[in-house]
Amino acid sequence: MKRLFTGKIKWVSFGILFIGMIFGLGAIVMWLWNAILPDVIDVVKPISYWQAMGILALSKLLFGGFGKGKHRGGRPPFARKELKQKFMEMNDEERAAFKEKWKNRC
C-alpha cells in the first residue's frame, strides 16, 4: 500500500498550506484593525487587505515576531543545560561571585 502523501506531494501541500496561512493572517489583521481601531481612535481609518499585508510585513521586519524557533534567548537548549550543570557544581563562594558579576552586567 502506497502512502498518501509522499515526497514532493508532501512539500507542495505544505507550501500551499503555508501560503494560505500567510494570506489568512493578513485577512485577520485587516479584520481586527477595521473592527477595533476606527471605533477606538477617531483618526484611524479602515484599511484594505493589501495594507494589512504591508502592516504584517512591516511588523515582521521591525519586531522579528512570528516565532524564532525552539530555542529562544539566544542559546540552544544544550548550552543552557551545560550552564546549569556548571552552576550546580560551584561552591557557595563561586556562586556568590558569579551572581555579583551578573548583577553588575545587568
PDB file of N, CA and C in Angstrom:
ATOM      1  N   MET A   1       0.844  -1.184   0.000  1.00  0.00           N
ATOM      2  CA  MET A   1       0.000   0.000   0.000  1.00  0.00           C
ATOM      3  C   MET A   1       0.893   1.251   0.000  1.00  0.00           C
ATOM      4  N   LYS A   2       0.636   2.156  -0.915  1.00  0.00           N
ATOM      5  CA  LYS A   2       1.432   3.380  -1.006  1.00  0.00           C
ATOM      6  C   LYS A   2       0.940   4.407  -0.006  1.00  0.00           C
ATOM      7  N   ARG A   3       1.857   5.228   0.411  1.00  0.00           N
ATOM      8  CA  ARG A   3       1.487   6.317   1.309  1.00  0.00           C
ATOM      9  C   ARG A   3       0.755   7.385   0.528  1.00  0.00           C
ATOM     10  N   LEU A   4      -0.195   8.032   1.160  1.00  0.00           N
ATOM     11  CA  LEU A   4      -0.994   9.064   0.503  1.00  0.00           C
ATOM     12  C   LEU A   4      -0.157  10.283   0.160  1.00  0.00           C
ATOM     13  N   PHE A   5       0.628  10.779   1.126  1.00  0.00           N
ATOM     14  CA  PHE A   5       1.477  11.948   0.890  1.00  0.00           C
ATOM     15  C   PHE A   5       2.937  11.501   0.897  1.00  0.00           C
ATOM     16  N   THR A   6       3.553  11.500  -0.237  1.00  0.00           N
ATOM     17  CA  THR A   6       4.952  11.107  -0.321  1.00  0.00           C
ATOM     18  C   THR A   6       5.775  12.229  -0.921  1.00  0.00           C
ATOM     19  N   GLY A   7       7.001  12.329  -0.480  1.00  0.00           N
ATOM     20  CA  GLY A   7       7.992  13.219  -1.049  1.00  0.00           C
ATOM     21  C   GLY A   7       7.514  14.580  -1.497  1.00  0.00           C
ATOM     22  N   LYS A   8       7.448  14.763  -2.812  1.00  0.00           N
ATOM     23  CA  LYS A   8       7.126  16.063  -3.400  1.00  0.00           C
ATOM     24  C   LYS A   8       5.712  16.504  -3.083  1.00  0.00           C
ATOM     25  N   ILE A   9       4.784  15.575  -3.042  1.00  0.00           N
ATOM     26  CA  ILE A   9       3.388  15.939  -2.745  1.00  0.00           C
ATOM     27  C   ILE A   9       3.282  16.533  -1.349  1.00  0.00           C
ATOM     28  N   LYS A  10       4.024  15.971  -0.401  1.00  0.00           N
ATOM     29  CA  LYS A  10       4.004  16.487   0.972  1.00  0.00           C
ATOM     30  C   LYS A  10       4.527  17.920   1.012  1.00  0.00           C
ATOM     31  N   TRP A  11       5.642  18.190   0.316  1.00  0.00           N
ATOM     32  CA  TRP A  11       6.215  19.532   0.321  1.00  0.00           C
ATOM     33  C   TRP A  11       5.329  20.536  -0.391  1.00  0.00           C
ATOM     34  N   VAL A  12       4.697  20.123  -1.491  1.00  0.00           N
ATOM     35  CA  VAL A  12       3.794  21.020  -2.218  1.00  0.00           C
ATOM     36  C   VAL A  12       2.591  21.358  -1.352  1.00  0.00           C
ATOM     37  N   SER A  13       2.021  20.349  -0.689  1.00  0.00           N
ATOM     38  CA  SER A  13       0.861  20.612   0.170  1.00  0.00           C
ATOM     39  C   SER A  13       1.245  21.484   1.359  1.00  0.00           C
ATOM     40  N   PHE A  14       2.444  21.282   1.909  1.00  0.00           N
ATOM     41  CA  PHE A  14       2.922  22.129   2.995  1.00  0.00           C
ATOM     42  C   PHE A  14       3.099  23.569   2.517  1.00  0.00           C
ATOM     43  N   GLY A  15       3.657  23.743   1.332  1.00  0.00           N
ATOM     44  CA  GLY A  15       3.839  25.089   0.773  1.00  0.00           C
ATOM     45  C   GLY A  15       2.519  25.807   0.550  1.00  0.00           C
ATOM     46  N   ILE A  16       1.548  25.093   0.014  1.00  0.00           N
ATOM     47  CA  ILE A  16       0.227  25.687  -0.212  1.00  0.00           C
ATOM     48  C   ILE A  16      -0.414  26.067   1.114  1.00  0.00           C
ATOM     49  N   LEU A  17      -0.305  25.192   2.104  1.00  0.00           N
ATOM     50  CA  LEU A  17      -0.857  25.482   3.430  1.00  0.00           C
ATOM     51  C   LEU A  17      -0.170  26.695   4.056  1.00  0.00           C
ATOM     52  N   PHE A  18       1.155  26.776   3.936  1.00  0.00           N
ATOM     53  CA  PHE A  18       1.911  27.892   4.495  1.00  0.00           C
ATOM     54  C   PHE A  18       1.498  29.216   3.849  1.00  0.00           C
ATOM     55  N   ILE A  19       1.409  29.240   2.533  1.00  0.00           N
ATOM     56  CA  ILE A  19       0.993  30.458   1.824  1.00  0.00           C
ATOM     57  C   ILE A  19      -0.435  30.830   2.195  1.00  0.00           C
ATOM     58  N   GLY A  20      -1.293  29.833   2.302  1.00  0.00           N
ATOM     59  CA  GLY A  20      -2.672  30.094   2.725  1.00  0.00           C
ATOM     60  C   GLY A  20      -2.751  30.688   4.114  1.00  0.00           C
ATOM     61  N   MET A  21      -1.885  30.220   5.011  1.00  0.00           N
ATOM     62  CA  MET A  21      -1.871  30.763   6.371  1.00  0.00           C
ATOM     63  C   MET A  21      -1.398  32.212   6.384  1.00  0.00           C
ATOM     64  N   ILE A  22      -0.428  32.547   5.528  1.00  0.00           N
ATOM     65  CA  ILE A  22       0.046  33.937   5.461  1.00  0.00           C
ATOM     66  C   ILE A  22      -1.077  34.851   4.985  1.00  0.00           C
ATOM     67  N   PHE A  23      -1.771  34.446   3.919  1.00  0.00           N
ATOM     68  CA  PHE A  23      -2.869  35.273   3.415  1.00  0.00           C
ATOM     69  C   PHE A  23      -4.031  35.326   4.411  1.00  0.00           C
ATOM     70  N   GLY A  24      -4.260  34.238   5.121  1.00  0.00           N
ATOM     71  CA  GLY A  24      -5.289  34.234   6.157  1.00  0.00           C
ATOM     72  C   GLY A  24      -4.926  35.151   7.312  1.00  0.00           C
ATOM     73  N   LEU A  25      -3.659  35.176   7.668  1.00  0.00           N
ATOM     74  CA  LEU A  25      -3.205  36.070   8.726  1.00  0.00           C
ATOM     75  C   LEU A  25      -3.383  37.534   8.327  1.00  0.00           C
ATOM     76  N   GLY A  26      -3.136  37.840   7.045  1.00  0.00           N
ATOM     77  CA  GLY A  26      -3.384  39.199   6.548  1.00  0.00           C
ATOM     78  C   GLY A  26      -4.848  39.583   6.671  1.00  0.00           C
ATOM     79  N   ALA A  27      -5.732  38.628   6.370  1.00  0.00           N
ATOM     80  CA  ALA A  27      -7.172  38.888   6.497  1.00  0.00           C
ATOM     81  C   ALA A  27      -7.568  39.119   7.956  1.00  0.00           C
ATOM     82  N   ILE A  28      -6.943  38.375   8.860  1.00  0.00           N
ATOM     83  CA  ILE A  28      -7.238  38.557  10.289  1.00  0.00           C
ATOM     84  C   ILE A  28      -6.761  39.924  10.765  1.00  0.00           C
ATOM     85  N   VAL A  29      -5.568  40.343  10.323  1.00  0.00           N
ATOM     86  CA  VAL A  29      -5.058  41.675  10.691  1.00  0.00           C
ATOM     87  C   VAL A  29      -6.000  42.752  10.183  1.00  0.00           C
ATOM     88  N   MET A  30      -6.455  42.634   8.930  1.00  0.00           N
ATOM     89  CA  MET A  30      -7.379  43.628   8.359  1.00  0.00           C
ATOM     90  C   MET A  30      -8.686  43.655   9.154  1.00  0.00           C
ATOM     91  N   TRP A  31      -9.218  42.485   9.448  1.00  0.00           N
ATOM     92  CA  TRP A  31     -10.486  42.421  10.166  1.00  0.00           C
ATOM     93  C   TRP A  31     -10.364  43.030  11.560  1.00  0.00           C
ATOM     94  N   LEU A  32      -9.293  42.679  12.283  1.00  0.00           N
ATOM     95  CA  LEU A  32      -9.109  43.238  13.624  1.00  0.00           C
ATOM     96  C   LEU A  32      -8.907  44.743  13.592  1.00  0.00           C
ATOM     97  N   TRP A  33      -8.100  45.214  12.657  1.00  0.00           N
ATOM     98  CA  TRP A  33      -7.859  46.652  12.520  1.00  0.00           C
ATOM     99  C   TRP A  33      -9.174  47.385  12.280  1.00  0.00           C
ATOM    100  N   ASN A  34      -9.926  46.908  11.283  1.00  0.00           N
ATOM    101  CA  ASN A  34     -11.161  47.588  10.903  1.00  0.00           C
ATOM    102  C   ASN A  34     -12.259  47.444  11.948  1.00  0.00           C
ATOM    103  N   ALA A  35     -12.229  46.376  12.733  1.00  0.00           N
ATOM    104  CA  ALA A  35     -13.253  46.167  13.748  1.00  0.00           C
ATOM    105  C   ALA A  35     -12.978  46.945  15.028  1.00  0.00           C
ATOM    106  N   ILE A  36     -11.709  47.197  15.326  1.00  0.00           N
ATOM    107  CA  ILE A  36     -11.375  47.792  16.622  1.00  0.00           C
ATOM    108  C   ILE A  36     -10.894  49.235  16.523  1.00  0.00           C
ATOM    109  N   LEU A  37      -9.867  49.485  15.747  1.00  0.00           N
ATOM    110  CA  LEU A  37      -9.191  50.778  15.808  1.00  0.00           C
ATOM    111  C   LEU A  37     -10.023  51.977  15.359  1.00  0.00           C
ATOM    112  N   PRO A  38     -10.789  51.915  14.264  1.00  0.00           N
ATOM    113  CA  PRO A  38     -11.555  53.121  13.898  1.00  0.00           C
ATOM    114  C   PRO A  38     -12.561  53.554  14.974  1.00  0.00           C
ATOM    115  N   ASP A  39     -13.086  52.589  15.727  1.00  0.00           N
ATOM    116  CA  ASP A  39     -14.031  52.941  16.790  1.00  0.00           C
ATOM    117  C   ASP A  39     -13.327  53.501  18.025  1.00  0.00           C
ATOM    118  N   VAL A  40     -12.124  53.045  18.284  1.00  0.00           N
ATOM    119  CA  VAL A  40     -11.398  53.457  19.484  1.00  0.00           C
ATOM    120  C   VAL A  40     -10.662  54.774  19.268  1.00  0.00           C
ATOM    121  N   ILE A  41     -10.024  54.909  18.103  1.00  0.00           N
ATOM    122  CA  ILE A  41      -9.239  56.107  17.801  1.00  0.00           C
ATOM    123  C   ILE A  41      -9.869  56.787  16.590  1.00  0.00           C
ATOM    124  N   ASP A  42     -10.298  58.029  16.749  1.00  0.00           N
ATOM    125  CA  ASP A  42     -11.029  58.725  15.690  1.00  0.00           C
ATOM    126  C   ASP A  42     -10.192  58.990  14.445  1.00  0.00           C
ATOM    127  N   VAL A  43      -8.893  59.133  14.594  1.00  0.00           N
ATOM    128  CA  VAL A  43      -8.027  59.498  13.476  1.00  0.00           C
ATOM    129  C   VAL A  43      -7.774  58.309  12.543  1.00  0.00           C
ATOM    130  N   VAL A  44      -7.875  57.101  13.044  1.00  0.00           N
ATOM    131  CA  VAL A  44      -7.558  55.900  12.282  1.00  0.00           C
ATOM    132  C   VAL A  44      -8.693  55.562  11.332  1.00  0.00           C
ATOM    133  N   LYS A  45      -8.332  55.243  10.080  1.00  0.00           N
ATOM    134  CA  LYS A  45      -9.310  54.860   9.062  1.00  0.00           C
ATOM    135  C   LYS A  45      -9.236  53.357   8.812  1.00  0.00           C
ATOM    136  N   PRO A  46     -10.299  52.771   8.282  1.00  0.00           N
ATOM    137  CA  PRO A  46     -10.230  51.353   7.902  1.00  0.00           C
ATOM    138  C   PRO A  46      -9.173  51.140   6.813  1.00  0.00           C
ATOM    139  N   ILE A  47      -8.588  49.942   6.787  1.00  0.00           N
ATOM    140  CA  ILE A  47      -7.532  49.641   5.823  1.00  0.00           C
ATOM    141  C   ILE A  47      -7.990  48.544   4.865  1.00  0.00           C
ATOM    142  N   SER A  48      -7.290  48.452   3.729  1.00  0.00           N
ATOM    143  CA  SER A  48      -7.587  47.401   2.755  1.00  0.00           C
ATOM    144  C   SER A  48      -6.783  46.144   3.109  1.00  0.00           C
ATOM    145  N   TYR A  49      -7.073  45.075   2.381  1.00  0.00           N
ATOM    146  CA  TYR A  49      -6.367  43.819   2.611  1.00  0.00           C
ATOM    147  C   TYR A  49      -4.866  43.975   2.374  1.00  0.00           C
ATOM    148  N   TRP A  50      -4.477  44.637   1.302  1.00  0.00           N
ATOM    149  CA  TRP A  50      -3.059  44.774   0.978  1.00  0.00           C
ATOM    150  C   TRP A  50      -2.343  45.697   1.955  1.00  0.00           C
ATOM    151  N   GLN A  51      -3.046  46.662   2.515  1.00  0.00           N
ATOM    152  CA  GLN A  51      -2.447  47.488   3.561  1.00  0.00           C
ATOM    153  C   GLN A  51      -2.203  46.639   4.820  1.00  0.00           C
ATOM    154  N   ALA A  52      -3.133  45.727   5.097  1.00  0.00           N
ATOM    155  CA  ALA A  52      -2.957  44.829   6.240  1.00  0.00           C
ATOM    156  C   ALA A  52      -1.756  43.911   6.020  1.00  0.00           C
ATOM    157  N   MET A  53      -1.564  43.428   4.783  1.00  0.00           N
ATOM    158  CA  MET A  53      -0.407  42.595   4.484  1.00  0.00           C
ATOM    159  C   MET A  53       0.890  43.405   4.658  1.00  0.00           C
ATOM    160  N   GLY A  54       0.854  44.686   4.284  1.00  0.00           N
ATOM    161  CA  GLY A  54       2.014  45.552   4.467  1.00  0.00           C
ATOM    162  C   GLY A  54       2.328  45.769   5.930  1.00  0.00           C
ATOM    163  N   ILE A  55       1.299  45.961   6.735  1.00  0.00           N
ATOM    164  CA  ILE A  55       1.495  46.126   8.182  1.00  0.00           C
ATOM    165  C   ILE A  55       2.084  44.853   8.776  1.00  0.00           C
ATOM    166  N   LEU A  56       1.598  43.711   8.308  1.00  0.00           N
ATOM    167  CA  LEU A  56       2.113  42.434   8.782  1.00  0.00           C
ATOM    168  C   LEU A  56       3.589  42.273   8.424  1.00  0.00           C
ATOM    169  N   ALA A  57       3.959  42.595   7.188  1.00  0.00           N
ATOM    170  CA  ALA A  57       5.362  42.504   6.758  1.00  0.00           C
ATOM    171  C   ALA A  57       6.231  43.498   7.527  1.00  0.00           C
ATOM    172  N   LEU A  58       5.712  44.706   7.741  1.00  0.00           N
ATOM    173  CA  LEU A  58       6.462  45.711   8.479  1.00  0.00           C
ATOM    174  C   LEU A  58       6.695  45.280   9.930  1.00  0.00           C
ATOM    175  N   SER A  59       5.673  44.705  10.544  1.00  0.00           N
ATOM    176  CA  SER A  59       5.837  44.251  11.927  1.00  0.00           C
ATOM    177  C   SER A  59       6.846  43.117  12.008  1.00  0.00           C
ATOM    178  N   LYS A  60       6.881  42.263  10.991  1.00  0.00           N
ATOM    179  CA  LYS A  60       7.877  41.185  10.962  1.00  0.00           C
ATOM    180  C   LYS A  60       9.282  41.766  10.857  1.00  0.00           C
ATOM    181  N   LEU A  61       9.450  42.771  10.013  1.00  0.00           N
ATOM    182  CA  LEU A  61      10.769  43.389   9.865  1.00  0.00           C
ATOM    183  C   LEU A  61      11.202  44.125  11.135  1.00  0.00           C
ATOM    184  N   LEU A  62      10.285  44.875  11.735  1.00  0.00           N
ATOM    185  CA  LEU A  62      10.640  45.691  12.892  1.00  0.00           C
ATOM    186  C   LEU A  62      10.807  44.879  14.172  1.00  0.00           C
ATOM    187  N   PHE A  63       9.917  43.939  14.386  1.00  0.00           N
ATOM    188  CA  PHE A  63       9.904  43.237  15.666  1.00  0.00           C
ATOM    189  C   PHE A  63      10.400  41.804  15.585  1.00  0.00           C
ATOM    190  N   GLY A  64      10.524  41.247  14.382  1.00  0.00           N
ATOM    191  CA  GLY A  64      11.017  39.883  14.236  1.00  0.00           C
ATOM    192  C   GLY A  64      10.126  38.855  14.891  1.00  0.00           C
ATOM    193  N   GLY A  65       8.843  39.070  14.863  1.00  0.00           N
ATOM    194  CA  GLY A  65       7.906  38.181  15.530  1.00  0.00           C
ATOM    195  C   GLY A  65       7.638  36.891  14.772  1.00  0.00           C
ATOM    196  N   PHE A  66       6.528  36.281  15.050  1.00  0.00           N
ATOM    197  CA  PHE A  66       6.021  35.046  14.447  1.00  0.00           C
ATOM    198  C   PHE A  66       6.868  33.838  14.836  1.00  0.00           C
ATOM    199  N   GLY A  67       7.525  33.914  15.967  1.00  0.00           N
ATOM    200  CA  GLY A  67       8.312  32.780  16.415  1.00  0.00           C
ATOM    201  C   GLY A  67       9.728  32.816  15.895  1.00  0.00           C
ATOM    202  N   LYS A  68      10.657  32.406  16.751  1.00  0.00           N
ATOM    203  CA  LYS A  68      12.063  32.443  16.364  1.00  0.00           C
ATOM    204  C   LYS A  68      12.682  31.058  16.431  1.00  0.00           C
ATOM    205  N   GLY A  69      11.897  30.054  16.504  1.00  0.00           N
ATOM    206  CA  GLY A  69      12.447  28.716  16.612  1.00  0.00           C
ATOM    207  C   GLY A  69      12.277  28.184  18.019  1.00  0.00           C
ATOM    208  N   LYS A  70      12.828  27.016  18.242  1.00  0.00           N
ATOM    209  CA  LYS A  70      12.622  26.348  19.518  1.00  0.00           C
ATOM    210  C   LYS A  70      13.446  26.933  20.646  1.00  0.00           C
ATOM    211  N   HIS A  71      14.631  27.440  20.352  1.00  0.00           N
ATOM    212  CA  HIS A  71      15.450  27.957  21.442  1.00  0.00           C
ATOM    213  C   HIS A  71      15.466  29.477  21.402  1.00  0.00           C
ATOM    214  N   ARG A  72      14.748  30.044  22.348  1.00  0.00           N
ATOM    215  CA  ARG A  72      14.693  31.498  22.479  1.00  0.00           C
ATOM    216  C   ARG A  72      15.728  31.937  23.498  1.00  0.00           C
ATOM    217  N   GLY A  73      16.087  33.165  23.428  1.00  0.00           N
ATOM    218  CA  GLY A  73      17.055  33.675  24.378  1.00  0.00           C
ATOM    219  C   GLY A  73      18.479  33.600  23.864  1.00  0.00           C
ATOM    220  N   GLY A  74      18.679  33.239  22.612  1.00  0.00           N
ATOM    221  CA  GLY A  74      19.981  33.288  22.012  1.00  0.00           C
ATOM    222  C   GLY A  74      20.858  32.062  22.201  1.00  0.00           C
ATOM    223  N   ARG A  75      20.491  31.147  23.060  1.00  0.00           N
ATOM    224  CA  ARG A  75      21.310  29.962  23.280  1.00  0.00           C
ATOM    225  C   ARG A  75      20.492  28.713  22.959  1.00  0.00           C
ATOM    226  N   PRO A  76      21.128  27.727  22.350  1.00  0.00           N
ATOM    227  CA  PRO A  76      20.430  26.464  22.132  1.00  0.00           C
ATOM    228  C   PRO A  76      20.200  25.749  23.454  1.00  0.00           C
ATOM    229  N   PRO A  77      19.250  24.824  23.510  1.00  0.00           N
ATOM    230  CA  PRO A  77      18.907  24.172  24.784  1.00  0.00           C
ATOM    231  C   PRO A  77      20.080  23.473  25.454  1.00  0.00           C
ATOM    232  N   PHE A  78      20.971  22.846  24.677  1.00  0.00           N
ATOM    233  CA  PHE A  78      22.083  22.132  25.311  1.00  0.00           C
ATOM    234  C   PHE A  78      23.014  23.088  26.051  1.00  0.00           C
ATOM    235  N   ALA A  79      23.147  24.333  25.583  1.00  0.00           N
ATOM    236  CA  ALA A  79      24.020  25.301  26.247  1.00  0.00           C
ATOM    237  C   ALA A  79      23.445  25.676  27.605  1.00  0.00           C
ATOM    238  N   ARG A  80      22.132  25.794  27.703  1.00  0.00           N
ATOM    239  CA  ARG A  80      21.514  26.119  28.983  1.00  0.00           C
ATOM    240  C   ARG A  80      21.738  24.998  29.992  1.00  0.00           C
ATOM    241  N   LYS A  81      21.658  23.750  29.520  1.00  0.00           N
ATOM    242  CA  LYS A  81      21.888  22.609  30.420  1.00  0.00           C
ATOM    243  C   LYS A  81      23.320  22.597  30.923  1.00  0.00           C
ATOM    244  N   GLU A  82      24.260  22.905  30.032  1.00  0.00           N
ATOM    245  CA  GLU A  82      25.664  22.937  30.444  1.00  0.00           C
ATOM    246  C   GLU A  82      25.906  24.037  31.470  1.00  0.00           C
ATOM    247  N   LEU A  83      25.300  25.217  31.251  1.00  0.00           N
ATOM    248  CA  LEU A  83      25.472  26.309  32.209  1.00  0.00           C
ATOM    249  C   LEU A  83      24.844  25.973  33.553  1.00  0.00           C
ATOM    250  N   LYS A  84      23.692  25.325  33.517  1.00  0.00           N
ATOM    251  CA  LYS A  84      23.025  24.936  34.757  1.00  0.00           C
ATOM    252  C   LYS A  84      23.880  23.930  35.518  1.00  0.00           C
ATOM    253  N   GLN A  85      24.434  22.963  34.782  1.00  0.00           N
ATOM    254  CA  GLN A  85      25.293  21.971  35.417  1.00  0.00           C
ATOM    255  C   GLN A  85      26.527  22.633  36.030  1.00  0.00           C
ATOM    256  N   LYS A  86      27.118  23.563  35.298  1.00  0.00           N
ATOM    257  CA  LYS A  86      28.294  24.274  35.795  1.00  0.00           C
ATOM    258  C   LYS A  86      27.954  25.067  37.059  1.00  0.00           C
ATOM    259  N   PHE A  87      26.786  25.716  37.062  1.00  0.00           N
ATOM    260  CA  PHE A  87      26.344  26.491  38.215  1.00  0.00           C
ATOM    261  C   PHE A  87      26.117  25.581  39.418  1.00  0.00           C
ATOM    262  N   MET A  88      25.540  24.396  39.187  1.00  0.00           N
ATOM    263  CA  MET A  88      25.261  23.472  40.281  1.00  0.00           C
ATOM    264  C   MET A  88      26.552  22.910  40.898  1.00  0.00           C
ATOM    265  N   GLU A  89      27.620  22.855  40.122  1.00  0.00           N
ATOM    266  CA  GLU A  89      28.886  22.327  40.621  1.00  0.00           C
ATOM    267  C   GLU A  89      29.726  23.364  41.354  1.00  0.00           C
ATOM    268  N   MET A  90      29.312  24.642  41.327  1.00  0.00           N
ATOM    269  CA  MET A  90      30.062  25.696  42.014  1.00  0.00           C
ATOM    270  C   MET A  90      29.856  25.605  43.515  1.00  0.00           C
ATOM    271  N   ASN A  91      30.881  26.042  44.270  1.00  0.00           N
ATOM    272  CA  ASN A  91      30.690  26.132  45.714  1.00  0.00           C
ATOM    273  C   ASN A  91      30.021  27.478  46.023  1.00  0.00           C
ATOM    274  N   ASP A  92      29.730  27.718  47.279  1.00  0.00           N
ATOM    275  CA  ASP A  92      28.982  28.920  47.664  1.00  0.00           C
ATOM    276  C   ASP A  92      29.723  30.210  47.312  1.00  0.00           C
ATOM    277  N   GLU A  93      31.029  30.225  47.504  1.00  0.00           N
ATOM    278  CA  GLU A  93      31.807  31.432  47.196  1.00  0.00           C
ATOM    279  C   GLU A  93      31.802  31.721  45.691  1.00  0.00           C
ATOM    280  N   GLU A  94      31.968  30.672  44.886  1.00  0.00           N
ATOM    281  CA  GLU A  94      31.962  30.852  43.430  1.00  0.00           C
ATOM    282  C   GLU A  94      30.599  31.328  42.938  1.00  0.00           C
ATOM    283  N   ARG A  95      29.525  30.765  43.534  1.00  0.00           N
ATOM    284  CA  ARG A  95      28.163  31.186  43.167  1.00  0.00           C
ATOM    285  C   ARG A  95      27.937  32.654  43.496  1.00  0.00           C
ATOM    286  N   ALA A  96      28.368  33.076  44.676  1.00  0.00           N
ATOM    287  CA  ALA A  96      28.185  34.470  45.081  1.00  0.00           C
ATOM    288  C   ALA A  96      28.954  35.399  44.140  1.00  0.00           C
ATOM    289  N   ALA A  97      30.184  35.017  43.772  1.00  0.00           N
ATOM    290  CA  ALA A  97      30.970  35.835  42.846  1.00  0.00           C
ATOM    291  C   ALA A  97      30.302  35.886  41.467  1.00  0.00           C
ATOM    292  N   PHE A  98      29.778  34.750  41.040  1.00  0.00           N
ATOM    293  CA  PHE A  98      29.091  34.686  39.748  1.00  0.00           C
ATOM    294  C   PHE A  98      27.853  35.584  39.738  1.00  0.00           C
ATOM    295  N   LYS A  99      27.044  35.486  40.787  1.00  0.00           N
ATOM    296  CA  LYS A  99      25.829  36.319  40.880  1.00  0.00           C
ATOM    297  C   LYS A  99      26.182  37.797  40.916  1.00  0.00           C
ATOM    298  N   GLU A 100      27.216  38.153  41.662  1.00  0.00           N
ATOM    299  CA  GLU A 100      27.635  39.550  41.743  1.00  0.00           C
ATOM    300  C   GLU A 100      28.113  40.059  40.388  1.00  0.00           C
ATOM    301  N   LYS A 101      28.834  39.230  39.670  1.00  0.00           N
ATOM    302  CA  LYS A 101      29.318  39.594  38.338  1.00  0.00           C
ATOM    303  C   LYS A 101      28.133  39.871  37.394  1.00  0.00           C
ATOM    304  N   TRP A 102      27.089  39.011  37.461  1.00  0.00           N
ATOM    305  CA  TRP A 102      25.930  39.202  36.576  1.00  0.00           C
ATOM    306  C   TRP A 102      25.064  40.386  37.018  1.00  0.00           C
ATOM    307  N   LYS A 103      25.041  40.679  38.318  1.00  0.00           N
ATOM    308  CA  LYS A 103      24.320  41.872  38.776  1.00  0.00           C
ATOM    309  C   LYS A 103      24.950  43.136  38.192  1.00  0.00           C
ATOM    310  N   ASN A 104      26.271  43.167  38.169  1.00  0.00           N
ATOM    311  CA  ASN A 104      26.976  44.329  37.629  1.00  0.00           C
ATOM    312  C   ASN A 104      26.781  44.450  36.126  1.00  0.00           C
ATOM    313  N   ARG A 105      26.661  43.333  35.421  1.00  0.00           N
ATOM    314  CA  ARG A 105      26.446  43.364  33.975  1.00  0.00           C
ATOM    315  C   ARG A 105      25.042  43.858  33.625  1.00  0.00           C
ATOM    316  N   CYS A 106      24.084  43.373  34.375  1.00  0.00           N
ATOM    317  CA  CYS A 106      22.688  43.709  34.038  1.00  0.00           C
ATOM    318  C   CYS A 106      22.247  44.886  34.849  1.00  0.00           C
TER     319      CYS A 106
END
